[in-house]
Amino acid sequence: MMRMVMAVLALMTLAVPAGAREVSARVPVLAALQASADAWNRGDLDGFLSVYSDGAGTTFTGKNGVVRGKAAIRKRYILSYSAVFGPNAKGRPQRLWFTPKDFRMLGNAHALLIAQWHLDARNGVPALSGMTSLVFAHEKAGWKIIADHSD
């Protein structure tokens, strides 16, 4: 009986720090994503991309395959949203916001955020939305996206 009690207490002790880690990571991860959306809404592509890790292994996966590295991800956004971020940009971008759907820690220094992204209707472009799975890593500069899978 005593072994059972000790085992339950040990499991409870392990569970508390994991839950606390999740709570303490969720706020800065969501804040980083909000800062990225705010930059998008200002038409600041580099500010939007500042949430992505500078690491060469950072990936964006979408309907056209996998793109590796922040510079290639930047180029992808310029091509996909050329009316806003391309050389002949016209007007403000569609307003971007996220609706978080799930958040969980993947160990001590990584987190998974699943969210729905939304772009409002603007400049004759219809409203759009889709899902995204973002893996964040806790780096010296804060929480950064290392893997983005968006549709």
C-alpha atoms as a PDB file:
ATOM      1  CA  MET A   1       0.000   0.000   0.000  1.00  0.00           C
ATOM      2  CA  MET A   2       2.796   2.392   0.915  1.00  0.00           C
ATOM      3  CA  ARG A   3       4.470   1.743  -2.449  1.00  0.00           C
ATOM      4  CA  MET A   4       1.237   2.669  -4.217  1.00  0.00           C
ATOM      5  CA  VAL A   5       0.953   5.931  -2.273  1.00  0.00           C
ATOM      6  CA  MET A   6       4.592   6.795  -2.987  1.00  0.00           C
ATOM      7  CA  ALA A   7       4.139   6.046  -6.699  1.00  0.00           C
ATOM      8  CA  VAL A   8       1.062   8.276  -6.898  1.00  0.00           C
ATOM      9  CA  LEU A   9       2.869  11.091  -5.064  1.00  0.00           C
ATOM     10  CA  ALA A  10       5.858  10.767  -7.391  1.00  0.00           C
ATOM     11  CA  LEU A  11       3.611  10.989 -10.450  1.00  0.00           C
ATOM     12  CA  MET A  12       1.819  14.025  -9.037  1.00  0.00           C
ATOM     13  CA  THR A  13       5.147  15.731  -8.402  1.00  0.00           C
ATOM     14  CA  LEU A  14       6.195  15.159 -12.008  1.00  0.00           C
ATOM     15  CA  ALA A  15       2.869  16.387 -13.399  1.00  0.00           C
ATOM     16  CA  VAL A  16       2.885  19.747 -11.632  1.00  0.00           C
ATOM     17  CA  PRO A  17       6.070  21.109 -13.223  1.00  0.00           C
ATOM     18  CA  ALA A  18       4.923  19.998 -16.684  1.00  0.00           C
ATOM     19  CA  GLY A  19       1.631  21.850 -16.257  1.00  0.00           C
ATOM     20  CA  ALA A  20       3.427  24.887 -14.889  1.00  0.00           C
ATOM     21  CA  ARG A  21       5.827  24.823 -17.858  1.00  0.00           C
ATOM     22  CA  GLU A  22       2.886  24.740 -20.243  1.00  0.00           C
ATOM     23  CA  VAL A  23       1.208  27.704 -18.579  1.00  0.00           C
ATOM     24  CA  SER A  24       4.441  29.704 -18.405  1.00  0.00           C
ATOM     25  CA  ALA A  25       5.277  28.990 -22.069  1.00  0.00           C
ATOM     26  CA  ARG A  26       1.805  29.563 -23.508  1.00  0.00           C
ATOM     27  CA  VAL A  27       1.756  33.297 -22.720  1.00  0.00           C
ATOM     28  CA  PRO A  28       5.058  34.205 -24.440  1.00  0.00           C
ATOM     29  CA  VAL A  29       4.356  31.900 -27.409  1.00  0.00           C
ATOM     30  CA  LEU A  30       0.974  33.547 -28.003  1.00  0.00           C
ATOM     31  CA  ALA A  31       2.544  36.989 -27.485  1.00  0.00           C
ATOM     32  CA  ALA A  32       5.208  36.214 -30.111  1.00  0.00           C
ATOM     33  CA  LEU A  33       2.531  35.095 -32.557  1.00  0.00           C
ATOM     34  CA  GLN A  34       0.462  38.225 -31.853  1.00  0.00           C
ATOM     35  CA  ALA A  35       3.502  40.464 -32.435  1.00  0.00           C
ATOM     36  CA  SER A  36       4.028  38.671 -35.747  1.00  0.00           C
ATOM     37  CA  ALA A  37       0.385  39.248 -36.766  1.00  0.00           C
ATOM     38  CA  ASP A  38       0.651  42.908 -35.732  1.00  0.00           C
ATOM     39  CA  ALA A  39       3.692  43.319 -38.003  1.00  0.00           C
ATOM     40  CA  TRP A  40       1.799  41.668 -40.889  1.00  0.00           C
ATOM     41  CA  ASN A  41      -1.078  44.081 -40.353  1.00  0.00           C
ATOM     42  CA  ARG A  42       1.366  47.021 -40.624  1.00  0.00           C
ATOM     43  CA  GLY A  43       2.724  45.596 -43.885  1.00  0.00           C
ATOM     44  CA  ASP A  44       6.063  44.770 -42.195  1.00  0.00           C
ATOM     45  CA  LEU A  45       7.117  41.425 -43.661  1.00  0.00           C
ATOM     46  CA  ASP A  46      10.433  41.281 -41.802  1.00  0.00           C
ATOM     47  CA  GLY A  47       8.630  42.013 -38.535  1.00  0.00           C
ATOM     48  CA  PHE A  48       6.123  39.268 -39.348  1.00  0.00           C
ATOM     49  CA  LEU A  49       8.974  36.835 -40.001  1.00  0.00           C
ATOM     50  CA  SER A  50      10.859  37.771 -36.820  1.00  0.00           C
ATOM     51  CA  VAL A  51       8.936  35.009 -35.001  1.00  0.00           C
ATOM     52  CA  TYR A  52      10.720  32.421 -37.182  1.00  0.00           C
ATOM     53  CA  SER A  53      14.046  30.977 -36.057  1.00  0.00           C
ATOM     54  CA  ASP A  54      17.102  32.011 -38.045  1.00  0.00           C
ATOM     55  CA  GLY A  55      18.258  28.379 -38.034  1.00  0.00           C
ATOM     56  CA  ALA A  56      18.864  26.715 -41.394  1.00  0.00           C
ATOM     57  CA  GLY A  57      16.533  23.883 -40.386  1.00  0.00           C
ATOM     58  CA  THR A  58      13.490  26.141 -40.008  1.00  0.00           C
ATOM     59  CA  THR A  59      10.750  24.889 -42.340  1.00  0.00           C
ATOM     60  CA  PHE A  60       7.474  26.039 -43.838  1.00  0.00           C
ATOM     61  CA  THR A  61       5.265  23.293 -45.260  1.00  0.00           C
ATOM     62  CA  GLY A  62       2.272  24.191 -47.409  1.00  0.00           C
ATOM     63  CA  LYS A  63       0.398  22.980 -50.466  1.00  0.00           C
ATOM     64  CA  ASN A  64       3.488  23.521 -52.655  1.00  0.00           C
ATOM     65  CA  GLY A  65       5.855  21.492 -50.489  1.00  0.00           C
ATOM     66  CA  VAL A  66       8.576  22.241 -47.954  1.00  0.00           C
ATOM     67  CA  VAL A  67      10.623  25.452 -47.876  1.00  0.00           C
ATOM     68  CA  ARG A  68      13.789  25.509 -45.741  1.00  0.00           C
ATOM     69  CA  GLY A  69      15.415  28.511 -44.113  1.00  0.00           C
ATOM     70  CA  LYS A  70      14.077  31.930 -43.195  1.00  0.00           C
ATOM     71  CA  ALA A  71      15.279  33.598 -46.425  1.00  0.00           C
ATOM     72  CA  ALA A  72      13.408  31.030 -48.525  1.00  0.00           C
ATOM     73  CA  ILE A  73      10.317  31.418 -46.322  1.00  0.00           C
ATOM     74  CA  ARG A  74      10.516  35.194 -46.858  1.00  0.00           C
ATOM     75  CA  LYS A  75      10.708  34.690 -50.624  1.00  0.00           C
ATOM     76  CA  ARG A  76       7.690  32.383 -50.458  1.00  0.00           C
ATOM     77  CA  TYR A  77       5.623  35.052 -48.690  1.00  0.00           C
ATOM     78  CA  ILE A  78       6.669  37.692 -51.232  1.00  0.00           C
ATOM     79  CA  LEU A  79       5.574  35.421 -54.089  1.00  0.00           C
ATOM     80  CA  SER A  80       2.339  34.335 -52.402  1.00  0.00           C
ATOM     81  CA  TYR A  81       1.365  37.857 -51.325  1.00  0.00           C
ATOM     82  CA  SER A  82       3.037  39.923 -54.054  1.00  0.00           C
ATOM     83  CA  ALA A  83       0.272  42.559 -54.074  1.00  0.00           C
ATOM     84  CA  VAL A  84       1.248  43.458 -50.517  1.00  0.00           C
ATOM     85  CA  PHE A  85       4.904  42.522 -50.105  1.00  0.00           C
ATOM     86  CA  GLY A  86       6.208  42.353 -53.689  1.00  0.00           C
ATOM     87  CA  PRO A  87       8.054  45.072 -55.613  1.00  0.00           C
ATOM     88  CA  ASN A  88       4.768  46.483 -56.944  1.00  0.00           C
ATOM     89  CA  ALA A  89       2.900  46.318 -53.628  1.00  0.00           C
ATOM     90  CA  LYS A  90      -0.380  48.194 -53.506  1.00  0.00           C
ATOM     91  CA  GLY A  91      -2.191  48.998 -50.303  1.00  0.00           C
ATOM     92  CA  ARG A  92      -2.323  47.398 -46.920  1.00  0.00           C
ATOM     93  CA  PRO A  93      -2.397  43.652 -46.385  1.00  0.00           C
ATOM     94  CA  GLN A  94      -5.507  41.797 -45.384  1.00  0.00           C
ATOM     95  CA  ARG A  95      -5.797  41.866 -41.588  1.00  0.00           C
ATOM     96  CA  LEU A  96      -4.344  38.705 -40.036  1.00  0.00           C
ATOM     97  CA  TRP A  97      -5.356  37.143 -36.747  1.00  0.00           C
ATOM     98  CA  PHE A  98      -5.123  33.724 -35.138  1.00  0.00           C
ATOM     99  CA  THR A  99      -7.555  31.646 -33.092  1.00  0.00           C
ATOM    100  CA  PRO A 100      -5.588  29.179 -30.917  1.00  0.00           C
ATOM    101  CA  LYS A 101      -7.069  25.671 -30.892  1.00  0.00           C
ATOM    102  CA  ASP A 102      -4.501  23.606 -28.961  1.00  0.00           C
ATOM    103  CA  PHE A 103      -1.229  24.160 -27.135  1.00  0.00           C
ATOM    104  CA  ARG A 104       1.104  21.639 -25.573  1.00  0.00           C
ATOM    105  CA  MET A 105       4.696  21.346 -24.531  1.00  0.00           C
ATOM    106  CA  LEU A 106       6.990  18.983 -26.444  1.00  0.00           C
ATOM    107  CA  GLY A 107       9.628  18.570 -23.765  1.00  0.00           C
ATOM    108  CA  ASN A 108      11.206  21.472 -21.877  1.00  0.00           C
ATOM    109  CA  ALA A 109      12.194  23.760 -24.752  1.00  0.00           C
ATOM    110  CA  HIS A 110       9.655  23.073 -27.504  1.00  0.00           C
ATOM    111  CA  ALA A 111       5.938  23.729 -27.844  1.00  0.00           C
ATOM    112  CA  LEU A 112       3.239  22.912 -30.376  1.00  0.00           C
ATOM    113  CA  LEU A 113       0.573  25.491 -31.172  1.00  0.00           C
ATOM    114  CA  ILE A 114      -2.334  24.569 -33.427  1.00  0.00           C
ATOM    115  CA  ALA A 115      -4.365  27.560 -34.543  1.00  0.00           C
ATOM    116  CA  GLN A 116      -6.735  28.788 -37.191  1.00  0.00           C
ATOM    117  CA  TRP A 117      -5.445  31.766 -39.186  1.00  0.00           C
ATOM    118  CA  HIS A 118      -7.758  34.356 -40.673  1.00  0.00           C
ATOM    119  CA  LEU A 119      -7.325  37.076 -43.306  1.00  0.00           C
ATOM    120  CA  ASP A 120     -10.161  39.577 -43.710  1.00  0.00           C
ATOM    121  CA  ALA A 121     -11.617  40.637 -47.065  1.00  0.00           C
ATOM    122  CA  ARG A 122      -9.789  43.650 -48.484  1.00  0.00           C
ATOM    123  CA  ASN A 123      -8.972  45.294 -51.836  1.00  0.00           C
ATOM    124  CA  GLY A 124     -11.222  42.898 -53.735  1.00  0.00           C
ATOM    125  CA  VAL A 125      -9.592  39.841 -52.154  1.00  0.00           C
ATOM    126  CA  PRO A 126     -12.048  37.559 -50.336  1.00  0.00           C
ATOM    127  CA  ALA A 127     -11.620  36.581 -46.697  1.00  0.00           C
ATOM    128  CA  LEU A 128      -9.454  33.504 -46.217  1.00  0.00           C
ATOM    129  CA  SER A 129      -8.785  31.122 -43.356  1.00  0.00           C
ATOM    130  CA  GLY A 130      -6.978  27.890 -42.722  1.00  0.00           C
ATOM    131  CA  MET A 131      -5.222  25.844 -40.093  1.00  0.00           C
ATOM    132  CA  THR A 132      -1.630  25.987 -38.944  1.00  0.00           C
ATOM    133  CA  SER A 133       0.566  23.763 -36.782  1.00  0.00           C
ATOM    134  CA  LEU A 134       3.538  25.642 -35.378  1.00  0.00           C
ATOM    135  CA  VAL A 135       6.450  24.103 -33.499  1.00  0.00           C
ATOM    136  CA  PHE A 136       8.223  26.680 -31.353  1.00  0.00           C
ATOM    137  CA  ALA A 137      11.687  26.327 -29.821  1.00  0.00           C
ATOM    138  CA  HIS A 138      12.813  28.367 -26.836  1.00  0.00           C
ATOM    139  CA  GLU A 139      15.957  30.161 -28.040  1.00  0.00           C
ATOM    140  CA  LYS A 140      18.095  32.928 -26.520  1.00  0.00           C
ATOM    141  CA  ALA A 141      15.925  35.465 -28.378  1.00  0.00           C
ATOM    142  CA  GLY A 142      12.702  33.915 -27.033  1.00  0.00           C
ATOM    143  CA  TRP A 143      10.154  31.521 -28.523  1.00  0.00           C
ATOM    144  CA  LYS A 144      10.726  31.057 -32.267  1.00  0.00           C
ATOM    145  CA  ILE A 145       8.957  28.982 -34.915  1.00  0.00           C
ATOM    146  CA  ILE A 146      11.122  26.148 -36.220  1.00  0.00           C
ATOM    147  CA  ALA A 147       8.389  24.319 -38.168  1.00  0.00           C
ATOM    148  CA  ASP A 148       5.262  25.813 -39.749  1.00  0.00           C
ATOM    149  CA  HIS A 149       2.695  23.634 -41.501  1.00  0.00           C
ATOM    150  CA  SER A 150      -0.083  25.840 -42.857  1.00  0.00           C
ATOM    151  CA  ASP A 151      -2.867  25.304 -45.342  1.00  0.00           C
END
